[in-house]
């Protein structure tokens, strides 16, 4: 009788399929994973502690750098938490623009996931196609905020600026052409026998295990759990939009793929509705404690100039208390917990990062599978290490 021997190897933190600086310690019996242990922290930047030394508006750029593929989603969760703390209701135009931009962000994030996930498994063409459409979304970021990735477009109380001229035409052109592009991706992958062989029945997780592990977003819905914060706890006016929740049946890599494809179609529908209902009006709350005076007034009025200077040099104070607010980000529940001591700086900031929580399901999905399957499983979870480590 021969003694069973296993081998322990490191996968990452330099391995390209770990999607950042994730290190997995794999115990292998031949090609089969006996044990999978994630090691994180290589990208830790102390974002929560940095936020606790900044004025409230200054925290917004920090949120961009967590899930840097969905900066506007992070912005939205944070500003909604501060607005909840202060009892601020933003104008209708700002709400609609926020929804439109965050749904475009969802599409952009899913496109990066689709392209990188496909290239991990060996499908090169999809990567090029997906990034073609993502470029259009980054162009829209640049139009509204002047930056292609770290956009920081949202503000406590509203938006940084109104939409530029002809921006609505740009969005209409995108939502008209994108469904055909999405069909291209599906023609390449959905019925592809190699894709099916690499994804169906791989990385399965049961619904009850997914719930127990705190999973959210497409990873949870792929298990058959129809839970979406936009429906269960609507925010920013989502209750006024008509869309369906994606839902899988097997909880495998293939279902996670189908759920995100479905979500991109629903996001297009939401963006169309936002364009149709986009009202005129202000893009920020008319509250001098939060909103600076218009730029033309700053150039003409000394009082307005002083107001502007004090607001950006000292910030605003918030009431004593604590709040939690979450949104449905592309990767799941992104939540912000704030504690205020009444000053112009948050006393405590904590971010509930979906990538961090979803990653803990990886051992459950990978153990008992082949090493090659680990590559497909990591990609299907769709993690960003900037959000995992923070």
Protein backbone atom coordinates (compact mmCIF):
# COMPACT_ATOMS: atom_id res chain seq x y z
CA UNK A 1 0.00 0.00 0.00
CA UNK A 2 1.49 3.30 -1.12
CA UNK A 3 1.28 6.40 1.03
CA UNK A 4 -0.82 9.23 -0.41
CA UNK A 5 1.27 12.37 -0.83
CA UNK A 6 0.19 15.91 -1.54
CA UNK A 7 2.14 18.89 -2.80
CA UNK A 8 1.71 22.51 -1.69
CA UNK A 9 2.26 25.28 -4.22
CA UNK A 10 1.73 29.03 -4.40
CA UNK A 11 -0.59 30.33 -7.12
CA UNK A 12 0.06 34.06 -7.22
CA UNK A 13 0.50 36.79 -6.18
CA UNK A 14 2.09 37.32 -9.60
CA UNK A 15 -0.06 34.84 -11.54
CA UNK A 16 -2.13 36.79 -14.11
CA UNK A 17 -5.29 34.73 -13.55
CA UNK A 18 -5.52 35.79 -9.89
CA UNK A 19 -6.69 39.22 -11.11
CA UNK A 20 -4.31 41.26 -9.02
CA UNK A 21 -2.02 40.40 -6.15
CA UNK A 22 -4.00 37.46 -4.74
CA UNK A 23 -1.98 34.53 -3.44
CA UNK A 24 -3.53 31.10 -3.16
CA UNK A 25 -1.82 28.32 -1.26
CA UNK A 26 -2.98 25.15 -3.01
CA UNK A 27 -2.53 21.67 -1.59
CA UNK A 28 -2.65 19.31 -4.55
CA UNK A 29 -3.12 15.61 -5.00
CA UNK A 30 -1.80 15.42 -8.54
CA UNK A 31 -3.90 17.99 -10.43
CA UNK A 32 -6.75 17.92 -7.91
CA UNK A 33 -7.07 20.73 -5.33
CA UNK A 34 -7.31 19.23 -1.84
CA UNK A 35 -7.18 22.55 0.01
CA UNK A 36 -7.28 26.17 -1.17
CA UNK A 37 -6.24 28.97 1.20
CA UNK A 38 -6.43 32.60 -0.02
CA UNK A 39 -3.82 35.05 1.31
CA UNK A 40 -4.64 38.73 0.89
CA UNK A 41 -3.27 42.09 1.98
CA UNK A 42 -0.60 42.72 -0.65
CA UNK A 43 -2.49 45.80 -1.86
CA UNK A 44 -3.58 47.15 1.53
CA UNK A 45 -3.50 50.96 1.53
CA UNK A 46 -5.43 51.82 4.71
CA UNK A 47 -8.25 53.55 2.84
CA UNK A 48 -10.63 53.52 5.81
CA UNK A 49 -8.09 55.19 8.11
CA UNK A 50 -7.19 57.70 5.41
CA UNK A 51 -10.91 58.54 5.09
CA UNK A 52 -11.06 59.22 8.83
CA UNK A 53 -8.53 62.05 8.41
CA UNK A 54 -10.31 63.76 5.49
CA UNK A 55 -13.27 66.10 5.23
CA UNK A 56 -16.44 64.46 3.98
CA UNK A 57 -16.18 65.64 0.37
CA UNK A 58 -12.49 64.67 0.29
CA UNK A 59 -13.36 61.01 0.92
CA UNK A 60 -15.07 60.66 -2.48
CA UNK A 61 -11.82 60.18 -4.51
CA UNK A 62 -10.73 57.49 -2.04
CA UNK A 63 -13.81 55.43 -2.91
CA UNK A 64 -12.83 55.51 -6.60
CA UNK A 65 -9.68 53.56 -5.84
CA UNK A 66 -11.30 50.53 -4.20
CA UNK A 67 -13.23 48.90 -7.01
CA UNK A 68 -11.47 51.01 -9.61
CA UNK A 69 -13.58 49.37 -12.34
CA UNK A 70 -16.78 50.79 -10.81
CA UNK A 71 -15.80 54.18 -9.35
CA UNK A 72 -19.22 55.80 -9.70
CA UNK A 73 -20.90 52.95 -7.84
CA UNK A 74 -18.50 53.50 -4.94
CA UNK A 75 -19.11 57.26 -5.11
CA UNK A 76 -22.87 56.71 -4.99
CA UNK A 77 -22.84 54.47 -1.92
CA UNK A 78 -20.67 56.93 0.00
CA UNK A 79 -22.56 60.13 -0.87
CA UNK A 80 -25.88 58.41 -0.14
CA UNK A 81 -24.57 57.47 3.32
CA UNK A 82 -23.52 61.07 4.06
CA UNK A 83 -26.82 62.40 2.69
CA UNK A 84 -28.68 59.92 4.91
CA UNK A 85 -26.69 61.15 7.89
CA UNK A 86 -27.52 64.78 7.08
CA UNK A 87 -31.12 64.25 5.96
CA UNK A 88 -30.44 65.62 2.47
CA UNK A 89 -32.75 64.92 -0.48
CA UNK A 90 -31.04 65.57 -3.83
CA UNK A 91 -32.95 67.10 -6.78
CA UNK A 92 -34.74 64.78 -9.26
CA UNK A 93 -32.33 65.54 -12.12
CA UNK A 94 -29.33 64.54 -10.00
CA UNK A 95 -31.07 61.28 -9.04
CA UNK A 96 -31.77 60.30 -12.63
CA UNK A 97 -28.24 61.15 -13.77
CA UNK A 98 -26.80 59.11 -10.88
CA UNK A 99 -28.87 56.08 -11.92
CA UNK A 100 -27.90 56.47 -15.56
CA UNK A 101 -24.19 56.78 -14.82
CA UNK A 102 -24.08 53.92 -12.30
CA UNK A 103 -25.83 51.58 -14.75
CA UNK A 104 -23.30 52.52 -17.44
CA UNK A 105 -20.67 51.78 -14.78
CA UNK A 106 -22.23 48.35 -14.20
CA UNK A 107 -21.94 47.60 -17.91
CA UNK A 108 -18.33 48.83 -18.00
CA UNK A 109 -17.38 46.69 -15.00
CA UNK A 110 -19.05 43.60 -16.46
CA UNK A 111 -17.25 44.19 -19.77
CA UNK A 112 -13.87 44.14 -18.04
CA UNK A 113 -14.94 40.98 -16.21
CA UNK A 114 -16.11 39.33 -19.44
CA UNK A 115 -12.98 40.16 -21.41
CA UNK A 116 -10.52 39.11 -18.70
CA UNK A 117 -12.51 36.01 -17.73
CA UNK A 118 -12.65 34.88 -21.35
CA UNK A 119 -8.94 35.44 -21.94
CA UNK A 120 -8.14 33.48 -18.75
CA UNK A 121 -9.90 30.48 -20.26
CA UNK A 122 -8.39 31.03 -23.72
CA UNK A 123 -10.92 33.11 -25.69
CA UNK A 124 -8.84 35.99 -27.03
CA UNK A 125 -11.36 37.69 -29.36
CA UNK A 126 -13.92 38.43 -26.64
CA UNK A 127 -11.33 40.43 -24.70
CA UNK A 128 -10.80 42.75 -27.67
CA UNK A 129 -14.53 43.14 -28.35
CA UNK A 130 -15.47 43.82 -24.72
CA UNK A 131 -12.80 46.48 -24.31
CA UNK A 132 -13.99 48.16 -27.50
CA UNK A 133 -17.34 48.95 -25.85
CA UNK A 134 -15.75 49.75 -22.51
CA UNK A 135 -13.76 52.51 -24.23
CA UNK A 136 -17.05 54.19 -25.12
CA UNK A 137 -18.09 54.20 -21.47
CA UNK A 138 -14.72 55.62 -20.39
CA UNK A 139 -15.20 58.35 -23.01
CA UNK A 140 -18.50 59.21 -21.30
CA UNK A 141 -16.72 59.40 -17.94
CA UNK A 142 -14.27 61.83 -19.49
CA UNK A 143 -17.08 63.99 -20.85
CA UNK A 144 -18.86 64.40 -17.52
CA UNK A 145 -15.90 64.45 -15.12
CA UNK A 146 -12.71 65.02 -17.10
CA UNK A 147 -11.23 61.66 -16.02
CA UNK A 148 -11.51 58.25 -17.60
CA UNK A 149 -11.22 56.03 -14.52
CA UNK A 150 -11.06 57.88 -11.19
CA UNK A 151 -13.98 60.08 -12.12
CA UNK A 152 -15.26 61.32 -8.71
CA UNK A 153 -18.31 62.77 -10.48
CA UNK A 154 -20.83 62.55 -7.63
CA UNK A 155 -20.88 64.95 -4.69
CA UNK A 156 -22.65 65.04 -1.36
CA UNK A 157 -25.85 66.84 -2.29
CA UNK A 158 -25.75 66.16 -6.02
CA UNK A 159 -23.22 66.19 -8.84
CA UNK A 160 -19.93 67.88 -9.67
CA UNK A 161 -21.45 69.47 -12.80
CA UNK A 162 -24.36 69.07 -15.18
CA UNK A 163 -24.17 66.87 -18.25
CA UNK A 164 -22.22 68.45 -21.11
CA UNK A 165 -23.81 69.34 -24.43
CA UNK A 166 -24.80 66.40 -26.66
CA UNK A 167 -24.06 63.92 -23.88
CA UNK A 168 -27.56 62.48 -24.09
CA UNK A 169 -27.03 61.84 -27.81
CA UNK A 170 -23.82 59.94 -26.98
CA UNK A 171 -25.65 57.74 -24.48
CA UNK A 172 -28.55 57.11 -26.89
CA UNK A 173 -26.09 56.04 -29.56
CA UNK A 174 -24.45 53.61 -27.13
CA UNK A 175 -27.69 52.01 -25.90
CA UNK A 176 -28.80 51.60 -29.52
CA UNK A 177 -25.65 49.79 -30.66
CA UNK A 178 -24.78 47.82 -27.52
CA UNK A 179 -27.44 45.06 -27.76
CA UNK A 180 -25.93 43.94 -31.08
CA UNK A 181 -22.46 43.96 -29.51
CA UNK A 182 -23.77 41.86 -26.62
CA UNK A 183 -25.15 39.37 -29.15
CA UNK A 184 -21.65 39.13 -30.63
CA UNK A 185 -20.22 38.08 -27.27
CA UNK A 186 -22.92 35.46 -26.84
CA UNK A 187 -22.41 34.10 -30.35
CA UNK A 188 -18.77 33.53 -29.45
CA UNK A 189 -19.30 31.99 -26.01
CA UNK A 190 -22.77 30.87 -24.92
CA UNK A 191 -23.03 27.77 -27.13
CA UNK A 192 -19.29 27.30 -27.61
CA UNK A 193 -18.51 23.67 -26.65
CA UNK A 194 -15.08 24.56 -25.23
CA UNK A 195 -16.54 27.38 -23.14
CA UNK A 196 -19.29 25.09 -21.87
CA UNK A 197 -16.80 22.35 -21.00
CA UNK A 198 -14.66 24.80 -19.01
CA UNK A 199 -17.57 26.44 -17.14
CA UNK A 200 -20.60 24.12 -16.74
CA UNK A 201 -20.61 22.21 -13.48
CA UNK A 202 -17.40 23.98 -12.40
CA UNK A 203 -17.17 25.97 -9.15
CA UNK A 204 -20.63 25.00 -7.94
CA UNK A 205 -21.88 26.48 -4.68
CA UNK A 206 -25.26 25.75 -3.08
CA UNK A 207 -27.70 28.60 -2.37
CA UNK A 208 -27.67 27.99 1.38
CA UNK A 209 -23.85 28.02 1.43
CA UNK A 210 -23.76 31.23 -0.60
CA UNK A 211 -26.15 32.93 1.84
CA UNK A 212 -24.22 31.65 4.87
CA UNK A 213 -20.98 33.03 3.42
CA UNK A 214 -22.54 36.46 2.84
CA UNK A 215 -22.23 36.37 -0.95
CA UNK A 216 -24.12 38.95 -2.97
CA UNK A 217 -24.51 40.26 -6.49
CA UNK A 218 -24.36 38.02 -9.57
CA UNK A 219 -22.51 35.33 -7.61
CA UNK A 220 -25.49 34.93 -5.27
CA UNK A 221 -28.13 35.26 -7.97
CA UNK A 222 -26.41 32.58 -10.05
CA UNK A 223 -27.30 30.15 -7.22
CA UNK A 224 -30.99 30.94 -7.69
CA UNK A 225 -31.33 33.53 -4.90
CA UNK A 226 -33.19 36.48 -6.44
CA UNK A 227 -31.84 39.22 -4.20
CA UNK A 228 -30.93 42.64 -5.59
CA UNK A 229 -30.68 45.74 -3.37
CA UNK A 230 -32.12 47.88 -6.18
CA UNK A 231 -35.35 45.91 -5.66
CA UNK A 232 -35.25 44.95 -1.97
CA UNK A 233 -34.11 48.36 -0.65
CA UNK A 234 -34.48 50.85 -3.55
CA UNK A 235 -32.28 53.95 -3.49
CA UNK A 236 -31.81 56.98 -5.72
CA UNK A 237 -35.25 56.40 -7.28
CA UNK A 238 -34.70 52.82 -8.49
CA UNK A 239 -38.25 51.95 -7.46
CA UNK A 240 -39.42 53.97 -10.48
CA UNK A 241 -37.53 51.84 -13.00
CA UNK A 242 -38.70 48.61 -14.59
CA UNK A 243 -36.13 45.81 -14.79
CA UNK A 244 -35.75 42.13 -13.99
CA UNK A 245 -33.38 40.38 -11.60
CA UNK A 246 -30.94 37.91 -13.09
CA UNK A 247 -31.19 34.40 -11.71
CA UNK A 248 -29.34 31.14 -12.30
CA UNK A 249 -30.12 27.56 -11.30
CA UNK A 250 -26.84 25.69 -10.80
CA UNK A 251 -24.53 28.18 -9.10
CA UNK A 252 -21.61 27.30 -11.39
CA UNK A 253 -19.19 29.35 -13.48
CA UNK A 254 -21.51 29.15 -16.51
CA UNK A 255 -24.50 30.53 -14.59
CA UNK A 256 -22.41 33.38 -13.24
CA UNK A 257 -21.54 34.21 -16.84
CA UNK A 258 -25.20 34.11 -17.93
CA UNK A 259 -26.29 36.30 -15.01
CA UNK A 260 -23.87 39.09 -15.90
CA UNK A 261 -24.84 38.96 -19.57
CA UNK A 262 -28.49 39.27 -18.50
CA UNK A 263 -27.64 42.16 -16.18
CA UNK A 264 -26.01 44.12 -18.97
CA UNK A 265 -29.24 43.88 -20.97
CA UNK A 266 -31.24 45.08 -17.98
CA UNK A 267 -28.81 47.97 -17.42
CA UNK A 268 -29.37 49.11 -20.99
CA UNK A 269 -33.12 49.10 -20.32
CA UNK A 270 -32.62 51.20 -17.17
CA UNK A 271 -30.40 53.71 -19.00
CA UNK A 272 -33.07 54.07 -21.71
CA UNK A 273 -35.69 54.80 -19.03
CA UNK A 274 -33.38 57.33 -17.39
CA UNK A 275 -32.95 59.16 -20.69
CA UNK A 276 -36.70 59.28 -21.20
CA UNK A 277 -37.45 60.68 -17.75
CA UNK A 278 -34.44 63.01 -17.38
CA UNK A 279 -35.96 66.26 -16.03
CA UNK A 280 -34.66 69.78 -16.13
CA UNK A 281 -33.63 71.53 -12.96
CA UNK A 282 -30.71 71.86 -10.53
CA UNK A 283 -28.11 69.12 -10.19
CA UNK A 284 -27.31 69.80 -6.52
CA UNK A 285 -29.26 70.61 -3.40
CA UNK A 286 -29.61 74.34 -2.75
CA UNK A 287 -28.10 74.22 0.72
CA UNK A 288 -25.29 76.73 1.44
CA UNK A 289 -23.91 74.40 4.14
CA UNK A 290 -23.10 71.76 1.51
CA UNK A 291 -23.21 73.31 -1.96
CA UNK A 292 -20.81 76.07 -3.11
CA UNK A 293 -22.24 79.10 -4.90
CA UNK A 294 -22.28 79.08 -8.72
CA UNK A 295 -18.94 79.92 -10.32
CA UNK A 296 -20.18 83.10 -12.07
CA UNK A 297 -21.29 84.44 -8.67
CA UNK A 298 -17.91 83.63 -7.10
CA UNK A 299 -16.25 85.88 -9.66
CA UNK A 300 -18.57 88.79 -8.88
CA UNK A 301 -19.39 88.58 -5.16
CA UNK A 302 -16.90 88.73 -2.27
CA UNK A 303 -19.44 87.00 -0.01
CA UNK A 304 -19.76 84.16 -2.52
CA UNK A 305 -15.98 83.89 -2.79
CA UNK A 306 -15.63 83.65 1.00
CA UNK A 307 -18.43 81.08 1.14
CA UNK A 308 -16.70 79.01 -1.54
CA UNK A 309 -13.33 79.25 0.21
CA UNK A 310 -14.69 78.24 3.62
CA UNK A 311 -16.67 75.33 2.21
CA UNK A 312 -13.68 73.82 0.43
CA UNK A 313 -11.11 74.62 3.10
CA UNK A 314 -13.14 73.66 6.20
CA UNK A 315 -15.93 71.50 4.76
CA UNK A 316 -19.25 70.99 6.51
CA UNK A 317 -20.26 69.45 9.80
CA UNK A 318 -22.63 66.52 10.16
CA UNK A 319 -25.03 65.68 13.01
CA UNK A 320 -23.96 63.23 15.69
CA UNK A 321 -24.91 59.67 14.83
CA UNK A 322 -24.18 56.64 12.70
CA UNK A 323 -25.60 55.32 9.44
CA UNK A 324 -25.20 52.39 7.07
CA UNK A 325 -26.14 52.57 3.41
CA UNK A 326 -25.61 49.96 0.74
CA UNK A 327 -26.12 49.75 -3.00
CA UNK A 328 -26.10 47.01 -5.63
CA UNK A 329 -22.65 47.50 -7.12
CA UNK A 330 -21.55 45.38 -10.13
CA UNK A 331 -19.94 42.90 -7.72
CA UNK A 332 -22.66 42.82 -5.06
CA UNK A 333 -23.55 44.70 -1.89
CA UNK A 334 -21.23 47.65 -1.45
CA UNK A 335 -22.00 49.26 1.89
CA UNK A 336 -20.76 52.31 3.76
CA UNK A 337 -20.88 52.61 7.56
CA UNK A 338 -20.28 56.11 8.92
CA UNK A 339 -19.99 57.36 12.49
CA UNK A 340 -20.12 61.12 13.07
CA UNK A 341 -18.88 62.95 16.14
CA UNK A 342 -20.36 66.22 14.89
CA UNK A 343 -17.15 67.49 13.31
CA UNK A 344 -16.21 68.06 9.65
CA UNK A 345 -14.32 64.74 9.54
CA UNK A 346 -15.92 61.29 9.91
CA UNK A 347 -15.04 59.61 13.22
CA UNK A 348 -15.28 56.12 11.70
CA UNK A 349 -15.60 54.87 8.12
CA UNK A 350 -16.04 51.26 7.14
CA UNK A 351 -16.68 49.88 3.66
CA UNK A 352 -18.49 46.59 3.17
CA UNK A 353 -16.65 45.41 0.05
CA UNK A 354 -18.40 42.66 -1.95
CA UNK A 355 -15.15 41.36 -3.48
CA UNK A 356 -13.76 40.74 0.01
CA UNK A 357 -16.84 38.83 1.14
CA UNK A 358 -17.33 36.90 -2.11
CA UNK A 359 -13.70 35.76 -2.13
CA UNK A 360 -14.21 33.65 0.98
CA UNK A 361 -16.38 31.30 -1.11
CA UNK A 362 -13.41 30.40 -3.33
CA UNK A 363 -12.20 27.41 -1.24
CA UNK A 364 -15.75 25.98 -1.19
CA UNK A 365 -15.91 26.26 -4.99
CA UNK A 366 -12.36 25.11 -5.80
CA UNK A 367 -11.64 22.20 -3.48
CA UNK A 368 -12.08 18.91 -5.29
CA UNK A 369 -11.58 20.51 -8.72
CA UNK A 370 -8.57 20.62 -11.03
CA UNK A 371 -5.99 23.41 -10.92
CA UNK A 372 -7.18 24.58 -14.34
CA UNK A 373 -10.67 24.98 -12.89
CA UNK A 374 -9.33 27.33 -10.21
CA UNK A 375 -8.48 29.81 -12.98
CA UNK A 376 -12.06 29.71 -14.28
CA UNK A 377 -13.54 29.96 -10.77
CA UNK A 378 -11.49 33.02 -9.74
CA UNK A 379 -12.54 34.80 -12.92
CA UNK A 380 -16.20 33.94 -12.38
CA UNK A 381 -16.24 35.50 -8.88
CA UNK A 382 -15.05 38.82 -10.39
CA UNK A 383 -12.83 40.22 -7.67
CA UNK A 384 -10.85 43.44 -7.58
CA UNK A 385 -7.98 43.32 -5.12
CA UNK A 386 -8.13 47.06 -4.48
CA UNK A 387 -11.54 46.40 -2.94
CA UNK A 388 -10.50 43.19 -1.17
CA UNK A 389 -7.49 44.72 0.56
CA UNK A 390 -8.53 48.40 0.85
